[in-house]
Amino acid sequence: MDLTKATPRAALDEAAAPAPRDPRGLFARLAAERGLIKPGDPLDQSVVDLCLDVVEACAKIGDGYGDPEAGGNAGEHIRFELGDL
């Protein structure tokens, strides 16, 4: 067994307990990381709308992947995680 490629314990803990869904918070954090807003500032509605348009474009690509009998497709998952504010 190659331990140099082992997953760090923190990563395993994060995978076991996913963070609560907060698309608007994620969008704001990403915008702040890129210098579009200051950390903690709210996003303008036009930026939120842009983010949701990108989410929908990605979800449309994901619609073709998955199995309805196995719980849906990638597009549905993307919309669930990032689409509903």
PDB file of N, CA and C in Angstrom:
ATOM      1  N   MET A   1       0.837  -1.170   0.000  1.00  0.00           N
ATOM      2  CA  MET A   1       0.000   0.000   0.000  1.00  0.00           C
ATOM      3  C   MET A   1       0.882   1.234   0.000  1.00  0.00           C
ATOM      4  N   ASP A   2       0.600   2.162  -0.919  1.00  0.00           N
ATOM      5  CA  ASP A   2       1.395   3.378  -1.045  1.00  0.00           C
ATOM      6  C   ASP A   2       0.782   4.471  -0.167  1.00  0.00           C
ATOM      7  N   LEU A   3       1.395   4.758   0.981  1.00  0.00           N
ATOM      8  CA  LEU A   3       0.862   5.749   1.904  1.00  0.00           C
ATOM      9  C   LEU A   3       1.132   7.173   1.460  1.00  0.00           C
ATOM     10  N   THR A   4       1.984   7.366   0.465  1.00  0.00           N
ATOM     11  CA  THR A   4       2.253   8.728  -0.014  1.00  0.00           C
ATOM     12  C   THR A   4       1.043   9.299  -0.742  1.00  0.00           C
ATOM     13  N   LYS A   5       0.119   8.438  -1.135  1.00  0.00           N
ATOM     14  CA  LYS A   5      -1.079   8.891  -1.840  1.00  0.00           C
ATOM     15  C   LYS A   5      -2.324   8.798  -0.961  1.00  0.00           C
ATOM     16  N   ALA A   6      -2.130   8.601   0.330  1.00  0.00           N
ATOM     17  CA  ALA A   6      -3.262   8.482   1.244  1.00  0.00           C
ATOM     18  C   ALA A   6      -3.968   9.824   1.393  1.00  0.00           C
ATOM     19  N   THR A   7      -5.271   9.759   1.571  1.00  0.00           N
ATOM     20  CA  THR A   7      -6.075  10.966   1.766  1.00  0.00           C
ATOM     21  C   THR A   7      -5.896  11.454   3.196  1.00  0.00           C
ATOM     22  N   PRO A   8      -5.614  12.748   3.387  1.00  0.00           N
ATOM     23  CA  PRO A   8      -5.482  13.283   4.738  1.00  0.00           C
ATOM     24  C   PRO A   8      -6.757  13.078   5.548  1.00  0.00           C
ATOM     25  N   ARG A   9      -6.610  12.911   6.843  1.00  0.00           N
ATOM     26  CA  ARG A   9      -7.759  12.661   7.722  1.00  0.00           C
ATOM     27  C   ARG A   9      -8.801  13.777   7.621  1.00  0.00           C
ATOM     28  N   ALA A  10      -8.378  15.027   7.552  1.00  0.00           N
ATOM     29  CA  ALA A  10      -9.324  16.144   7.473  1.00  0.00           C
ATOM     30  C   ALA A  10     -10.212  16.022   6.246  1.00  0.00           C
ATOM     31  N   ALA A  11      -9.639  15.588   5.141  1.00  0.00           N
ATOM     32  CA  ALA A  11     -10.427  15.428   3.918  1.00  0.00           C
ATOM     33  C   ALA A  11     -11.476  14.339   4.095  1.00  0.00           C
ATOM     34  N   LEU A  12     -11.126  13.280   4.787  1.00  0.00           N
ATOM     35  CA  LEU A  12     -12.085  12.212   5.031  1.00  0.00           C
ATOM     36  C   LEU A  12     -13.225  12.705   5.909  1.00  0.00           C
ATOM     37  N   ASP A  13     -12.910  13.463   6.941  1.00  0.00           N
ATOM     38  CA  ASP A  13     -13.945  13.994   7.826  1.00  0.00           C
ATOM     39  C   ASP A  13     -14.887  14.923   7.067  1.00  0.00           C
ATOM     40  N   GLU A  14     -14.339  15.785   6.207  1.00  0.00           N
ATOM     41  CA  GLU A  14     -15.169  16.696   5.429  1.00  0.00           C
ATOM     42  C   GLU A  14     -16.071  15.932   4.473  1.00  0.00           C
ATOM     43  N   ALA A  15     -15.569  14.848   3.904  1.00  0.00           N
ATOM     44  CA  ALA A  15     -16.367  14.061   2.972  1.00  0.00           C
ATOM     45  C   ALA A  15     -17.509  13.355   3.698  1.00  0.00           C
ATOM     46  N   ALA A  16     -17.271  12.949   4.946  1.00  0.00           N
ATOM     47  CA  ALA A  16     -18.282  12.232   5.709  1.00  0.00           C
ATOM     48  C   ALA A  16     -19.414  13.163   6.152  1.00  0.00           C
ATOM     49  N   ALA A  17     -19.114  14.419   6.373  1.00  0.00           N
ATOM     50  CA  ALA A  17     -20.117  15.359   6.855  1.00  0.00           C
ATOM     51  C   ALA A  17     -20.123  16.587   5.941  1.00  0.00           C
ATOM     52  N   PRO A  18     -20.893  16.537   4.853  1.00  0.00           N
ATOM     53  CA  PRO A  18     -20.885  17.676   3.927  1.00  0.00           C
ATOM     54  C   PRO A  18     -21.402  18.944   4.595  1.00  0.00           C
ATOM     55  N   ALA A  19     -20.879  20.057   4.150  1.00  0.00           N
ATOM     56  CA  ALA A  19     -21.299  21.354   4.678  1.00  0.00           C
ATOM     57  C   ALA A  19     -22.733  21.637   4.249  1.00  0.00           C
ATOM     58  N   PRO A  20     -23.448  22.423   5.037  1.00  0.00           N
ATOM     59  CA  PRO A  20     -24.802  22.784   4.616  1.00  0.00           C
ATOM     60  C   PRO A  20     -24.780  23.502   3.268  1.00  0.00           C
ATOM     61  N   ARG A  21     -25.811  23.278   2.488  1.00  0.00           N
ATOM     62  CA  ARG A  21     -25.919  23.886   1.174  1.00  0.00           C
ATOM     63  C   ARG A  21     -26.128  25.387   1.325  1.00  0.00           C
ATOM     64  N   ASP A  22     -25.259  26.188   0.710  1.00  0.00           N
ATOM     65  CA  ASP A  22     -25.348  27.650   0.762  1.00  0.00           C
ATOM     66  C   ASP A  22     -24.803  28.230  -0.536  1.00  0.00           C
ATOM     67  N   PRO A  23     -25.566  28.102  -1.639  1.00  0.00           N
ATOM     68  CA  PRO A  23     -25.065  28.584  -2.924  1.00  0.00           C
ATOM     69  C   PRO A  23     -24.697  30.068  -2.915  1.00  0.00           C
ATOM     70  N   ARG A  24     -25.533  30.908  -2.321  1.00  0.00           N
ATOM     71  CA  ARG A  24     -25.245  32.343  -2.305  1.00  0.00           C
ATOM     72  C   ARG A  24     -23.947  32.615  -1.548  1.00  0.00           C
ATOM     73  N   GLY A  25     -23.728  31.913  -0.438  1.00  0.00           N
ATOM     74  CA  GLY A  25     -22.488  32.056   0.315  1.00  0.00           C
ATOM     75  C   GLY A  25     -21.278  31.615  -0.500  1.00  0.00           C
ATOM     76  N   LEU A  26     -21.428  30.519  -1.232  1.00  0.00           N
ATOM     77  CA  LEU A  26     -20.344  30.043  -2.098  1.00  0.00           C
ATOM     78  C   LEU A  26     -20.031  31.069  -3.175  1.00  0.00           C
ATOM     79  N   PHE A  27     -21.062  31.597  -3.828  1.00  0.00           N
ATOM     80  CA  PHE A  27     -20.849  32.590  -4.881  1.00  0.00           C
ATOM     81  C   PHE A  27     -20.150  33.829  -4.316  1.00  0.00           C
ATOM     82  N   ALA A  28     -20.564  34.267  -3.135  1.00  0.00           N
ATOM     83  CA  ALA A  28     -19.952  35.450  -2.510  1.00  0.00           C
ATOM     84  C   ALA A  28     -18.492  35.176  -2.147  1.00  0.00           C
ATOM     85  N   ARG A  29     -18.212  33.979  -1.620  1.00  0.00           N
ATOM     86  CA  ARG A  29     -16.825  33.634  -1.274  1.00  0.00           C
ATOM     87  C   ARG A  29     -15.947  33.622  -2.520  1.00  0.00           C
ATOM     88  N   LEU A  30     -16.447  33.040  -3.601  1.00  0.00           N
ATOM     89  CA  LEU A  30     -15.671  32.996  -4.843  1.00  0.00           C
ATOM     90  C   LEU A  30     -15.440  34.406  -5.395  1.00  0.00           C
ATOM     91  N   ALA A  31     -16.472  35.249  -5.328  1.00  0.00           N
ATOM     92  CA  ALA A  31     -16.328  36.627  -5.811  1.00  0.00           C
ATOM     93  C   ALA A  31     -15.305  37.384  -4.973  1.00  0.00           C
ATOM     94  N   ALA A  32     -15.321  37.168  -3.663  1.00  0.00           N
ATOM     95  CA  ALA A  32     -14.351  37.832  -2.786  1.00  0.00           C
ATOM     96  C   ALA A  32     -12.934  37.337  -3.059  1.00  0.00           C
ATOM     97  N   GLU A  33     -12.783  36.040  -3.300  1.00  0.00           N
ATOM     98  CA  GLU A  33     -11.455  35.481  -3.591  1.00  0.00           C
ATOM     99  C   GLU A  33     -10.876  36.068  -4.871  1.00  0.00           C
ATOM    100  N   ARG A  34     -11.734  36.500  -5.775  1.00  0.00           N
ATOM    101  CA  ARG A  34     -11.278  37.071  -7.046  1.00  0.00           C
ATOM    102  C   ARG A  34     -11.275  38.591  -7.038  1.00  0.00           C
ATOM    103  N   GLY A  35     -11.539  39.170  -5.865  1.00  0.00           N
ATOM    104  CA  GLY A  35     -11.465  40.616  -5.718  1.00  0.00           C
ATOM    105  C   GLY A  35     -12.652  41.378  -6.275  1.00  0.00           C
ATOM    106  N   LEU A  36     -13.763  40.691  -6.552  1.00  0.00           N
ATOM    107  CA  LEU A  36     -14.941  41.364  -7.085  1.00  0.00           C
ATOM    108  C   LEU A  36     -15.718  42.097  -5.996  1.00  0.00           C
ATOM    109  N   ILE A  37     -15.683  41.550  -4.794  1.00  0.00           N
ATOM    110  CA  ILE A  37     -16.306  42.179  -3.635  1.00  0.00           C
ATOM    111  C   ILE A  37     -15.367  41.996  -2.452  1.00  0.00           C
ATOM    112  N   LYS A  38     -15.606  42.732  -1.384  1.00  0.00           N
ATOM    113  CA  LYS A  38     -14.846  42.546  -0.148  1.00  0.00           C
ATOM    114  C   LYS A  38     -15.471  41.382   0.617  1.00  0.00           C
ATOM    115  N   PRO A  39     -14.656  40.589   1.328  1.00  0.00           N
ATOM    116  CA  PRO A  39     -15.225  39.500   2.125  1.00  0.00           C
ATOM    117  C   PRO A  39     -16.321  40.019   3.057  1.00  0.00           C
ATOM    118  N   GLY A  40     -17.441  39.345   3.048  1.00  0.00           N
ATOM    119  CA  GLY A  40     -18.566  39.732   3.884  1.00  0.00           C
ATOM    120  C   GLY A  40     -19.576  40.634   3.203  1.00  0.00           C
ATOM    121  N   ASP A  41     -19.200  41.247   2.081  1.00  0.00           N
ATOM    122  CA  ASP A  41     -20.136  42.094   1.346  1.00  0.00           C
ATOM    123  C   ASP A  41     -21.140  41.227   0.586  1.00  0.00           C
ATOM    124  N   PRO A  42     -22.363  41.730   0.419  1.00  0.00           N
ATOM    125  CA  PRO A  42     -23.354  40.968  -0.351  1.00  0.00           C
ATOM    126  C   PRO A  42     -23.091  41.088  -1.851  1.00  0.00           C
ATOM    127  N   LEU A  43     -23.590  40.118  -2.574  1.00  0.00           N
ATOM    128  CA  LEU A  43     -23.507  40.169  -4.035  1.00  0.00           C
ATOM    129  C   LEU A  43     -24.657  40.991  -4.601  1.00  0.00           C
ATOM    130  N   ASP A  44     -24.384  41.736  -5.666  1.00  0.00           N
ATOM    131  CA  ASP A  44     -25.454  42.399  -6.404  1.00  0.00           C
ATOM    132  C   ASP A  44     -26.325  41.327  -7.041  1.00  0.00           C
ATOM    133  N   GLN A  45     -27.610  41.615  -7.203  1.00  0.00           N
ATOM    134  CA  GLN A  45     -28.521  40.643  -7.805  1.00  0.00           C
ATOM    135  C   GLN A  45     -28.086  40.255  -9.212  1.00  0.00           C
ATOM    136  N   SER A  46     -27.494  41.191  -9.952  1.00  0.00           N
ATOM    137  CA  SER A  46     -27.047  40.868 -11.310  1.00  0.00           C
ATOM    138  C   SER A  46     -25.946  39.808 -11.289  1.00  0.00           C
ATOM    139  N   VAL A  47     -25.090  39.830 -10.279  1.00  0.00           N
ATOM    140  CA  VAL A  47     -24.036  38.816 -10.162  1.00  0.00           C
ATOM    141  C   VAL A  47     -24.646  37.478  -9.764  1.00  0.00           C
ATOM    142  N   VAL A  48     -25.609  37.501  -8.852  1.00  0.00           N
ATOM    143  CA  VAL A  48     -26.305  36.269  -8.474  1.00  0.00           C
ATOM    144  C   VAL A  48     -26.988  35.672  -9.698  1.00  0.00           C
ATOM    145  N   ASP A  49     -27.641  36.511 -10.484  1.00  0.00           N
ATOM    146  CA  ASP A  49     -28.304  36.028 -11.705  1.00  0.00           C
ATOM    147  C   ASP A  49     -27.300  35.402 -12.665  1.00  0.00           C
ATOM    148  N   LEU A  50     -26.135  36.015 -12.816  1.00  0.00           N
ATOM    149  CA  LEU A  50     -25.090  35.451 -13.669  1.00  0.00           C
ATOM    150  C   LEU A  50     -24.658  34.085 -13.148  1.00  0.00           C
ATOM    151  N   CYS A  51     -24.438  33.991 -11.846  1.00  0.00           N
ATOM    152  CA  CYS A  51     -24.037  32.710 -11.251  1.00  0.00           C
ATOM    153  C   CYS A  51     -25.088  31.640 -11.519  1.00  0.00           C
ATOM    154  N   LEU A  52     -26.349  31.987 -11.366  1.00  0.00           N
ATOM    155  CA  LEU A  52     -27.422  31.019 -11.612  1.00  0.00           C
ATOM    156  C   LEU A  52     -27.507  30.631 -13.084  1.00  0.00           C
ATOM    157  N   ASP A  53     -27.210  31.560 -13.972  1.00  0.00           N
ATOM    158  CA  ASP A  53     -27.162  31.228 -15.402  1.00  0.00           C
ATOM    159  C   ASP A  53     -26.046  30.225 -15.687  1.00  0.00           C
ATOM    160  N   VAL A  54     -24.897  30.404 -15.044  1.00  0.00           N
ATOM    161  CA  VAL A  54     -23.777  29.470 -15.226  1.00  0.00           C
ATOM    162  C   VAL A  54     -24.144  28.111 -14.639  1.00  0.00           C
ATOM    163  N   VAL A  55     -24.784  28.107 -13.478  1.00  0.00           N
ATOM    164  CA  VAL A  55     -25.234  26.847 -12.872  1.00  0.00           C
ATOM    165  C   VAL A  55     -26.164  26.112 -13.833  1.00  0.00           C
ATOM    166  N   GLU A  56     -27.117  26.825 -14.410  1.00  0.00           N
ATOM    167  CA  GLU A  56     -28.065  26.187 -15.321  1.00  0.00           C
ATOM    168  C   GLU A  56     -27.370  25.666 -16.580  1.00  0.00           C
ATOM    169  N   ALA A  57     -26.403  26.419 -17.106  1.00  0.00           N
ATOM    170  CA  ALA A  57     -25.664  25.957 -18.288  1.00  0.00           C
ATOM    171  C   ALA A  57     -24.908  24.667 -17.967  1.00  0.00           C
ATOM    172  N   CYS A  58     -24.298  24.608 -16.797  1.00  0.00           N
ATOM    173  CA  CYS A  58     -23.582  23.390 -16.388  1.00  0.00           C
ATOM    174  C   CYS A  58     -24.564  22.244 -16.173  1.00  0.00           C
ATOM    175  N   ALA A  59     -25.691  22.530 -15.550  1.00  0.00           N
ATOM    176  CA  ALA A  59     -26.683  21.492 -15.284  1.00  0.00           C
ATOM    177  C   ALA A  59     -27.235  20.905 -16.574  1.00  0.00           C
ATOM    178  N   LYS A  60     -27.412  21.738 -17.597  1.00  0.00           N
ATOM    179  CA  LYS A  60     -27.903  21.230 -18.884  1.00  0.00           C
ATOM    180  C   LYS A  60     -26.924  20.226 -19.473  1.00  0.00           C
ATOM    181  N   ILE A  61     -25.632  20.469 -19.294  1.00  0.00           N
ATOM    182  CA  ILE A  61     -24.628  19.497 -19.757  1.00  0.00           C
ATOM    183  C   ILE A  61     -24.775  18.205 -18.966  1.00  0.00           C
ATOM    184  N   GLY A  62     -24.987  18.340 -17.653  1.00  0.00           N
ATOM    185  CA  GLY A  62     -25.103  17.172 -16.783  1.00  0.00           C
ATOM    186  C   GLY A  62     -26.384  16.395 -16.941  1.00  0.00           C
ATOM    187  N   ASP A  63     -27.397  16.976 -17.601  1.00  0.00           N
ATOM    188  CA  ASP A  63     -28.669  16.273 -17.766  1.00  0.00           C
ATOM    189  C   ASP A  63     -28.519  14.949 -18.497  1.00  0.00           C
ATOM    190  N   GLY A  64     -27.515  14.841 -19.341  1.00  0.00           N
ATOM    191  CA  GLY A  64     -27.330  13.608 -20.099  1.00  0.00           C
ATOM    192  C   GLY A  64     -26.580  12.518 -19.360  1.00  0.00           C
ATOM    193  N   TYR A  65     -26.186  12.784 -18.128  1.00  0.00           N
ATOM    194  CA  TYR A  65     -25.379  11.822 -17.385  1.00  0.00           C
ATOM    195  C   TYR A  65     -26.123  11.354 -16.143  1.00  0.00           C
ATOM    196  N   GLY A  66     -26.275  10.066 -16.040  1.00  0.00           N
ATOM    197  CA  GLY A  66     -26.920   9.508 -14.866  1.00  0.00           C
ATOM    198  C   GLY A  66     -27.989   8.516 -15.246  1.00  0.00           C
ATOM    199  N   ASP A  67     -28.721   8.102 -14.249  1.00  0.00           N
ATOM    200  CA  ASP A  67     -29.736   7.087 -14.425  1.00  0.00           C
ATOM    201  C   ASP A  67     -30.913   7.429 -13.507  1.00  0.00           C
ATOM    202  N   PRO A  68     -32.091   7.715 -14.085  1.00  0.00           N
ATOM    203  CA  PRO A  68     -33.243   8.065 -13.248  1.00  0.00           C
ATOM    204  C   PRO A  68     -33.558   7.006 -12.190  1.00  0.00           C
ATOM    205  N   GLU A  69     -33.326   5.732 -12.514  1.00  0.00           N
ATOM    206  CA  GLU A  69     -33.604   4.665 -11.560  1.00  0.00           C
ATOM    207  C   GLU A  69     -32.583   4.629 -10.431  1.00  0.00           C
ATOM    208  N   ALA A  70     -31.421   5.222 -10.661  1.00  0.00           N
ATOM    209  CA  ALA A  70     -30.371   5.225  -9.636  1.00  0.00           C
ATOM    210  C   ALA A  70     -30.333   6.540  -8.868  1.00  0.00           C
ATOM    211  N   GLY A  71     -31.350   7.367  -9.019  1.00  0.00           N
ATOM    212  CA  GLY A  71     -31.397   8.588  -8.236  1.00  0.00           C
ATOM    213  C   GLY A  71     -31.267   9.871  -9.017  1.00  0.00           C
ATOM    214  N   GLY A  72     -31.384   9.815 -10.319  1.00  0.00           N
ATOM    215  CA  GLY A  72     -31.355  11.038 -11.101  1.00  0.00           C
ATOM    216  C   GLY A  72     -30.098  11.185 -11.924  1.00  0.00           C
ATOM    217  N   ASN A  73     -29.875  12.424 -12.364  1.00  0.00           N
ATOM    218  CA  ASN A  73     -28.722  12.665 -13.223  1.00  0.00           C
ATOM    219  C   ASN A  73     -27.866  13.791 -12.649  1.00  0.00           C
ATOM    220  N   ALA A  74     -26.745  14.028 -13.273  1.00  0.00           N
ATOM    221  CA  ALA A  74     -25.804  15.046 -12.792  1.00  0.00           C
ATOM    222  C   ALA A  74     -26.419  16.439 -12.835  1.00  0.00           C
ATOM    223  N   GLY A  75     -27.224  16.722 -13.844  1.00  0.00           N
ATOM    224  CA  GLY A  75     -27.858  18.032 -13.945  1.00  0.00           C
ATOM    225  C   GLY A  75     -28.768  18.320 -12.759  1.00  0.00           C
ATOM    226  N   GLU A  76     -29.552  17.324 -12.358  1.00  0.00           N
ATOM    227  CA  GLU A  76     -30.428  17.487 -11.200  1.00  0.00           C
ATOM    228  C   GLU A  76     -29.613  17.751  -9.934  1.00  0.00           C
ATOM    229  N   HIS A  77     -28.511  17.043  -9.809  1.00  0.00           N
ATOM    230  CA  HIS A  77     -27.653  17.218  -8.635  1.00  0.00           C
ATOM    231  C   HIS A  77     -27.046  18.622  -8.609  1.00  0.00           C
ATOM    232  N   ILE A  78     -26.583  19.089  -9.746  1.00  0.00           N
ATOM    233  CA  ILE A  78     -26.014  20.437  -9.832  1.00  0.00           C
ATOM    234  C   ILE A  78     -27.071  21.475  -9.461  1.00  0.00           C
ATOM    235  N   ARG A  79     -28.274  21.324 -10.005  1.00  0.00           N
ATOM    236  CA  ARG A  79     -29.356  22.271  -9.674  1.00  0.00           C
ATOM    237  C   ARG A  79     -29.686  22.239  -8.190  1.00  0.00           C
ATOM    238  N   PHE A  80     -29.703  21.047  -7.595  1.00  0.00           N
ATOM    239  CA  PHE A  80     -30.001  20.944  -6.173  1.00  0.00           C
ATOM    240  C   PHE A  80     -28.943  21.645  -5.337  1.00  0.00           C
ATOM    241  N   GLU A  81     -27.684  21.376  -5.643  1.00  0.00           N
ATOM    242  CA  GLU A  81     -26.591  21.919  -4.836  1.00  0.00           C
ATOM    243  C   GLU A  81     -26.404  23.420  -5.021  1.00  0.00           C
ATOM    244  N   LEU A  82     -26.576  23.920  -6.238  1.00  0.00           N
ATOM    245  CA  LEU A  82     -26.205  25.311  -6.526  1.00  0.00           C
ATOM    246  C   LEU A  82     -27.325  26.181  -7.055  1.00  0.00           C
ATOM    247  N   GLY A  83     -28.468  25.606  -7.398  1.00  0.00           N
ATOM    248  CA  GLY A  83     -29.480  26.380  -8.089  1.00  0.00           C
ATOM    249  C   GLY A  83     -30.509  27.050  -7.215  1.00  0.00           C
ATOM    250  N   ASP A  84     -30.898  26.416  -6.136  1.00  0.00           N
ATOM    251  CA  ASP A  84     -31.950  26.997  -5.288  1.00  0.00           C
ATOM    252  C   ASP A  84     -31.323  27.864  -4.217  1.00  0.00           C
ATOM    253  N   LEU A  85     -31.701  29.143  -4.232  1.00  0.00           N
ATOM    254  CA  LEU A  85     -31.204  30.045  -3.202  1.00  0.00           C
ATOM    255  C   LEU A  85     -32.268  30.156  -2.179  1.00  0.00           C
TER     256      LEU A  85
END
